[in-house]
Amino acid sequence: FRISALPSRVEAALGALRAAGATLLAYPGLGLCYAGFALAEDDPRALERAFGSTEATAREAGGSWILEEGPLAAKQGRDVFGDPSDALPLMRALKSRFDPGGRLNAGRFMGQL
């Protein structure tokens, strides 16, 4: 996961992600954290916990998250672009304007656009 955070909240975000079991790489000056989770095959809820802790941490840090890399099973059926928040209506309008038939990468962007 790539998590953006307000620079003043990076330290708290790193603490929360570390407590959730993530391996971390941070660029505090940029407000960026990269978090990797080792998912045990014998724990089917580990994936849900990884997504949940990442989303909660990003929200509390005043930022956002994206799943940049992961197994196909982790991506299937989920929005890997995080919480679209206020940007979703704008993205829908742009998609409608430039791809009125909805043919280009259908369902492969935030909000399943």
N, C-alpha and C. Protein backbone atom coordinates (compact mmCIF):
# COMPACT_ATOMS: atom_id res chain seq x y z
N PHE A 1 0.84 -1.18 0.00
CA PHE A 1 0.00 0.00 0.00
C PHE A 1 0.88 1.23 0.00
N ARG A 2 0.41 2.26 -0.70
CA ARG A 2 1.03 3.58 -0.60
C ARG A 2 0.04 4.46 0.14
N ILE A 3 0.50 5.04 1.23
CA ILE A 3 -0.36 5.87 2.05
C ILE A 3 0.21 7.28 2.06
N SER A 4 -0.62 8.24 1.74
CA SER A 4 -0.20 9.63 1.88
C SER A 4 -0.74 10.13 3.21
N ALA A 5 -0.01 11.04 3.82
CA ALA A 5 -0.42 11.58 5.12
C ALA A 5 0.06 13.02 5.22
N LEU A 6 -0.62 13.79 6.04
CA LEU A 6 -0.12 15.11 6.34
C LEU A 6 1.23 14.94 7.03
N PRO A 7 2.22 15.73 6.67
CA PRO A 7 3.55 15.55 7.26
C PRO A 7 3.54 15.54 8.79
N SER A 8 2.66 16.30 9.40
CA SER A 8 2.60 16.34 10.86
C SER A 8 2.01 15.06 11.45
N ARG A 9 1.42 14.20 10.61
CA ARG A 9 0.80 12.98 11.10
C ARG A 9 1.50 11.70 10.62
N VAL A 10 2.61 11.85 9.95
CA VAL A 10 3.33 10.68 9.42
C VAL A 10 3.78 9.77 10.56
N GLU A 11 4.33 10.34 11.61
CA GLU A 11 4.84 9.53 12.71
C GLU A 11 3.73 8.69 13.34
N ALA A 12 2.57 9.28 13.56
CA ALA A 12 1.44 8.53 14.12
C ALA A 12 0.97 7.45 13.15
N ALA A 13 0.97 7.77 11.85
CA ALA A 13 0.56 6.78 10.84
C ALA A 13 1.51 5.59 10.83
N LEU A 14 2.80 5.87 10.92
CA LEU A 14 3.77 4.79 10.94
C LEU A 14 3.58 3.91 12.17
N GLY A 15 3.30 4.52 13.30
CA GLY A 15 3.04 3.75 14.52
C GLY A 15 1.83 2.85 14.39
N ALA A 16 0.77 3.37 13.79
CA ALA A 16 -0.45 2.59 13.62
C ALA A 16 -0.23 1.43 12.65
N LEU A 17 0.47 1.69 11.56
CA LEU A 17 0.75 0.64 10.58
C LEU A 17 1.68 -0.42 11.16
N ARG A 18 2.67 0.01 11.91
CA ARG A 18 3.58 -0.94 12.55
C ARG A 18 2.81 -1.83 13.53
N ALA A 19 1.89 -1.24 14.29
CA ALA A 19 1.07 -2.00 15.24
C ALA A 19 0.17 -3.00 14.51
N ALA A 20 -0.20 -2.69 13.28
CA ALA A 20 -1.04 -3.59 12.48
C ALA A 20 -0.23 -4.69 11.81
N GLY A 21 1.11 -4.65 11.99
CA GLY A 21 1.95 -5.71 11.45
C GLY A 21 2.58 -5.41 10.10
N ALA A 22 2.59 -4.16 9.70
CA ALA A 22 3.14 -3.80 8.39
C ALA A 22 4.65 -3.64 8.44
N THR A 23 5.28 -3.95 7.32
CA THR A 23 6.67 -3.61 7.08
C THR A 23 6.64 -2.26 6.39
N LEU A 24 7.48 -1.34 6.81
CA LEU A 24 7.32 0.05 6.37
C LEU A 24 8.53 0.62 5.65
N LEU A 25 8.25 1.54 4.76
CA LEU A 25 9.24 2.40 4.13
C LEU A 25 8.59 3.78 4.15
N ALA A 26 9.28 4.78 4.67
CA ALA A 26 8.66 6.10 4.81
C ALA A 26 9.51 7.20 4.21
N TYR A 27 8.84 8.18 3.67
CA TYR A 27 9.43 9.41 3.19
C TYR A 27 8.70 10.54 3.91
N PRO A 28 9.06 10.81 5.17
CA PRO A 28 8.30 11.76 5.99
C PRO A 28 8.19 13.15 5.38
N GLY A 29 9.23 13.62 4.74
CA GLY A 29 9.19 14.95 4.13
C GLY A 29 8.17 15.06 3.01
N LEU A 30 7.87 13.94 2.39
CA LEU A 30 6.89 13.91 1.31
C LEU A 30 5.51 13.51 1.80
N GLY A 31 5.44 13.07 3.05
CA GLY A 31 4.16 12.60 3.58
C GLY A 31 3.75 11.26 3.00
N LEU A 32 4.73 10.43 2.63
CA LEU A 32 4.44 9.13 2.02
C LEU A 32 4.94 7.99 2.88
N CYS A 33 4.13 6.95 2.95
CA CYS A 33 4.50 5.71 3.64
C CYS A 33 4.15 4.56 2.70
N TYR A 34 5.00 3.58 2.67
CA TYR A 34 4.70 2.35 1.95
C TYR A 34 4.60 1.25 2.99
N ALA A 35 3.51 0.50 2.95
CA ALA A 35 3.26 -0.55 3.94
C ALA A 35 3.04 -1.87 3.23
N GLY A 36 3.75 -2.88 3.67
CA GLY A 36 3.58 -4.23 3.14
C GLY A 36 3.11 -5.14 4.27
N PHE A 37 2.18 -6.01 3.95
CA PHE A 37 1.65 -6.95 4.93
C PHE A 37 1.92 -8.37 4.45
N ALA A 38 2.48 -9.20 5.33
CA ALA A 38 2.65 -10.62 5.03
C ALA A 38 1.32 -11.29 5.38
N LEU A 39 0.71 -11.91 4.39
CA LEU A 39 -0.60 -12.51 4.60
C LEU A 39 -0.46 -14.01 4.76
N ALA A 40 -0.82 -14.50 5.92
CA ALA A 40 -0.77 -15.94 6.19
C ALA A 40 -1.95 -16.63 5.50
N GLU A 41 -1.65 -17.69 4.77
CA GLU A 41 -2.71 -18.40 4.04
C GLU A 41 -3.72 -19.06 4.97
N ASP A 42 -3.31 -19.34 6.20
CA ASP A 42 -4.22 -19.99 7.13
C ASP A 42 -5.10 -18.99 7.89
N ASP A 43 -4.98 -17.69 7.55
CA ASP A 43 -5.79 -16.65 8.18
C ASP A 43 -6.55 -15.89 7.10
N PRO A 44 -7.78 -16.33 6.79
CA PRO A 44 -8.53 -15.70 5.70
C PRO A 44 -8.91 -14.24 5.97
N ARG A 45 -8.89 -13.80 7.21
CA ARG A 45 -9.28 -12.43 7.53
C ARG A 45 -8.09 -11.47 7.55
N ALA A 46 -6.90 -11.97 7.30
CA ALA A 46 -5.71 -11.13 7.32
C ALA A 46 -5.79 -10.05 6.25
N LEU A 47 -6.30 -10.38 5.09
CA LEU A 47 -6.43 -9.42 4.00
C LEU A 47 -7.39 -8.30 4.40
N GLU A 48 -8.51 -8.65 5.00
CA GLU A 48 -9.47 -7.64 5.44
C GLU A 48 -8.86 -6.73 6.50
N ARG A 49 -8.08 -7.29 7.40
CA ARG A 49 -7.43 -6.48 8.42
C ARG A 49 -6.41 -5.53 7.80
N ALA A 50 -5.68 -5.99 6.80
CA ALA A 50 -4.69 -5.14 6.13
C ALA A 50 -5.37 -3.96 5.45
N PHE A 51 -6.44 -4.22 4.71
CA PHE A 51 -7.18 -3.14 4.06
C PHE A 51 -7.79 -2.21 5.10
N GLY A 52 -8.39 -2.78 6.13
CA GLY A 52 -9.04 -1.97 7.16
C GLY A 52 -8.08 -1.07 7.91
N SER A 53 -6.95 -1.61 8.32
CA SER A 53 -5.99 -0.80 9.06
C SER A 53 -5.37 0.27 8.18
N THR A 54 -5.14 -0.05 6.91
CA THR A 54 -4.58 0.94 5.98
C THR A 54 -5.57 2.08 5.76
N GLU A 55 -6.83 1.74 5.53
CA GLU A 55 -7.85 2.77 5.31
C GLU A 55 -8.01 3.65 6.54
N ALA A 56 -8.10 3.04 7.72
CA ALA A 56 -8.28 3.81 8.95
C ALA A 56 -7.08 4.72 9.20
N THR A 57 -5.88 4.20 8.97
CA THR A 57 -4.67 4.99 9.20
C THR A 57 -4.62 6.18 8.25
N ALA A 58 -4.92 5.96 6.98
CA ALA A 58 -4.90 7.07 6.01
C ALA A 58 -5.92 8.13 6.38
N ARG A 59 -7.10 7.71 6.78
CA ARG A 59 -8.14 8.66 7.15
C ARG A 59 -7.70 9.50 8.36
N GLU A 60 -7.16 8.82 9.39
CA GLU A 60 -6.71 9.53 10.60
C GLU A 60 -5.52 10.45 10.31
N ALA A 61 -4.75 10.12 9.31
CA ALA A 61 -3.57 10.93 8.95
C ALA A 61 -3.90 12.04 7.96
N GLY A 62 -5.17 12.19 7.62
CA GLY A 62 -5.57 13.24 6.70
C GLY A 62 -5.11 12.99 5.27
N GLY A 63 -4.98 11.71 4.91
CA GLY A 63 -4.47 11.38 3.59
C GLY A 63 -5.32 10.38 2.85
N SER A 64 -4.67 9.61 2.02
CA SER A 64 -5.36 8.62 1.19
C SER A 64 -4.45 7.41 1.03
N TRP A 65 -4.98 6.37 0.37
CA TRP A 65 -4.19 5.15 0.15
C TRP A 65 -4.52 4.55 -1.21
N ILE A 66 -3.56 3.78 -1.70
CA ILE A 66 -3.72 3.03 -2.94
C ILE A 66 -2.99 1.70 -2.76
N LEU A 67 -3.61 0.64 -3.21
CA LEU A 67 -2.90 -0.65 -3.25
C LEU A 67 -2.13 -0.67 -4.55
N GLU A 68 -0.83 -0.45 -4.47
CA GLU A 68 0.00 -0.39 -5.67
C GLU A 68 0.37 -1.76 -6.20
N GLU A 69 0.57 -2.70 -5.29
CA GLU A 69 1.00 -4.03 -5.71
C GLU A 69 0.46 -5.06 -4.74
N GLY A 70 0.03 -6.17 -5.29
CA GLY A 70 -0.47 -7.24 -4.45
C GLY A 70 -0.92 -8.41 -5.30
N PRO A 71 -1.22 -9.53 -4.67
CA PRO A 71 -1.69 -10.68 -5.42
C PRO A 71 -3.07 -10.40 -6.03
N LEU A 72 -3.36 -11.08 -7.10
CA LEU A 72 -4.63 -10.89 -7.79
C LEU A 72 -5.81 -11.10 -6.85
N ALA A 73 -5.72 -12.07 -5.97
CA ALA A 73 -6.81 -12.33 -5.03
C ALA A 73 -7.08 -11.13 -4.12
N ALA A 74 -6.06 -10.34 -3.84
CA ALA A 74 -6.23 -9.16 -2.99
C ALA A 74 -6.94 -8.04 -3.74
N LYS A 75 -6.84 -8.03 -5.05
CA LYS A 75 -7.41 -6.95 -5.85
C LYS A 75 -8.81 -7.25 -6.37
N GLN A 76 -9.13 -8.50 -6.55
CA GLN A 76 -10.40 -8.87 -7.16
C GLN A 76 -11.58 -8.42 -6.32
N GLY A 77 -12.49 -7.72 -7.00
CA GLY A 77 -13.73 -7.31 -6.35
C GLY A 77 -13.61 -6.15 -5.39
N ARG A 78 -12.48 -5.46 -5.36
CA ARG A 78 -12.34 -4.32 -4.46
C ARG A 78 -11.80 -3.11 -5.20
N ASP A 79 -12.09 -1.98 -4.61
CA ASP A 79 -11.57 -0.73 -5.13
C ASP A 79 -10.18 -0.52 -4.52
N VAL A 80 -9.15 -0.65 -5.31
CA VAL A 80 -7.78 -0.56 -4.81
C VAL A 80 -7.26 0.88 -4.80
N PHE A 81 -8.13 1.83 -5.12
CA PHE A 81 -7.74 3.24 -5.15
C PHE A 81 -8.17 4.00 -3.91
N GLY A 82 -8.56 3.30 -2.87
CA GLY A 82 -8.91 3.96 -1.63
C GLY A 82 -10.25 4.65 -1.69
N ASP A 83 -10.46 5.53 -0.75
CA ASP A 83 -11.72 6.26 -0.63
C ASP A 83 -11.74 7.40 -1.65
N PRO A 84 -12.65 7.37 -2.61
CA PRO A 84 -12.67 8.41 -3.63
C PRO A 84 -13.16 9.76 -3.11
N SER A 85 -13.84 9.78 -2.01
CA SER A 85 -14.34 11.00 -1.35
C SER A 85 -14.98 11.97 -2.33
N ASP A 86 -14.59 13.23 -2.25
CA ASP A 86 -15.21 14.28 -3.06
C ASP A 86 -14.79 14.25 -4.53
N ALA A 87 -13.78 13.49 -4.86
CA ALA A 87 -13.27 13.46 -6.24
C ALA A 87 -14.12 12.58 -7.16
N LEU A 88 -14.92 11.70 -6.60
CA LEU A 88 -15.66 10.75 -7.44
C LEU A 88 -16.61 11.42 -8.44
N PRO A 89 -17.42 12.40 -8.05
CA PRO A 89 -18.28 13.05 -9.06
C PRO A 89 -17.49 13.67 -10.21
N LEU A 90 -16.35 14.28 -9.89
CA LEU A 90 -15.51 14.86 -10.94
C LEU A 90 -14.97 13.77 -11.85
N MET A 91 -14.51 12.67 -11.28
CA MET A 91 -13.99 11.57 -12.09
C MET A 91 -15.08 10.96 -12.97
N ARG A 92 -16.29 10.82 -12.43
CA ARG A 92 -17.41 10.32 -13.23
C ARG A 92 -17.70 11.25 -14.41
N ALA A 93 -17.68 12.56 -14.15
CA ALA A 93 -17.95 13.53 -15.22
C ALA A 93 -16.87 13.46 -16.30
N LEU A 94 -15.61 13.35 -15.90
CA LEU A 94 -14.53 13.23 -16.88
C LEU A 94 -14.65 11.95 -17.69
N LYS A 95 -14.96 10.86 -17.00
CA LYS A 95 -15.11 9.57 -17.69
C LYS A 95 -16.27 9.65 -18.69
N SER A 96 -17.36 10.25 -18.28
CA SER A 96 -18.52 10.39 -19.16
C SER A 96 -18.20 11.26 -20.37
N ARG A 97 -17.46 12.31 -20.14
CA ARG A 97 -17.12 13.25 -21.21
C ARG A 97 -16.17 12.63 -22.25
N PHE A 98 -15.13 11.95 -21.78
CA PHE A 98 -14.10 11.46 -22.68
C PHE A 98 -14.25 9.99 -23.06
N ASP A 99 -15.13 9.28 -22.39
CA ASP A 99 -15.39 7.87 -22.72
C ASP A 99 -16.88 7.60 -22.54
N PRO A 100 -17.70 8.24 -23.38
CA PRO A 100 -19.16 8.14 -23.19
C PRO A 100 -19.69 6.70 -23.30
N GLY A 101 -19.01 5.85 -24.02
CA GLY A 101 -19.45 4.47 -24.15
C GLY A 101 -18.97 3.58 -23.01
N GLY A 102 -18.10 4.11 -22.16
CA GLY A 102 -17.58 3.35 -21.02
C GLY A 102 -16.75 2.15 -21.42
N ARG A 103 -16.02 2.25 -22.54
CA ARG A 103 -15.26 1.12 -23.06
C ARG A 103 -13.82 1.04 -22.56
N LEU A 104 -13.26 2.18 -22.17
CA LEU A 104 -11.85 2.21 -21.81
C LEU A 104 -11.63 1.82 -20.34
N ASN A 105 -10.96 0.70 -20.13
CA ASN A 105 -10.64 0.23 -18.78
C ASN A 105 -11.84 0.25 -17.85
N ALA A 106 -12.94 -0.26 -18.31
CA ALA A 106 -14.18 -0.25 -17.53
C ALA A 106 -13.98 -0.90 -16.18
N GLY A 107 -14.35 -0.19 -15.12
CA GLY A 107 -14.29 -0.73 -13.77
C GLY A 107 -12.91 -0.81 -13.17
N ARG A 108 -11.93 -0.19 -13.80
CA ARG A 108 -10.55 -0.34 -13.33
C ARG A 108 -9.97 0.93 -12.71
N PHE A 109 -10.85 1.83 -12.28
CA PHE A 109 -10.37 3.05 -11.61
C PHE A 109 -11.23 3.30 -10.39
N MET A 110 -10.91 4.33 -9.64
CA MET A 110 -11.62 4.60 -8.39
C MET A 110 -13.13 4.58 -8.57
N GLY A 111 -13.83 4.07 -7.59
CA GLY A 111 -15.27 3.99 -7.67
C GLY A 111 -15.77 3.04 -8.74
N GLN A 112 -14.91 2.13 -9.18
CA GLN A 112 -15.23 1.15 -10.23
C GLN A 112 -15.60 1.83 -11.55
N LEU A 113 -15.01 2.98 -11.83
CA LEU A 113 -15.25 3.69 -13.11
C LEU A 113 -14.67 2.91 -14.26
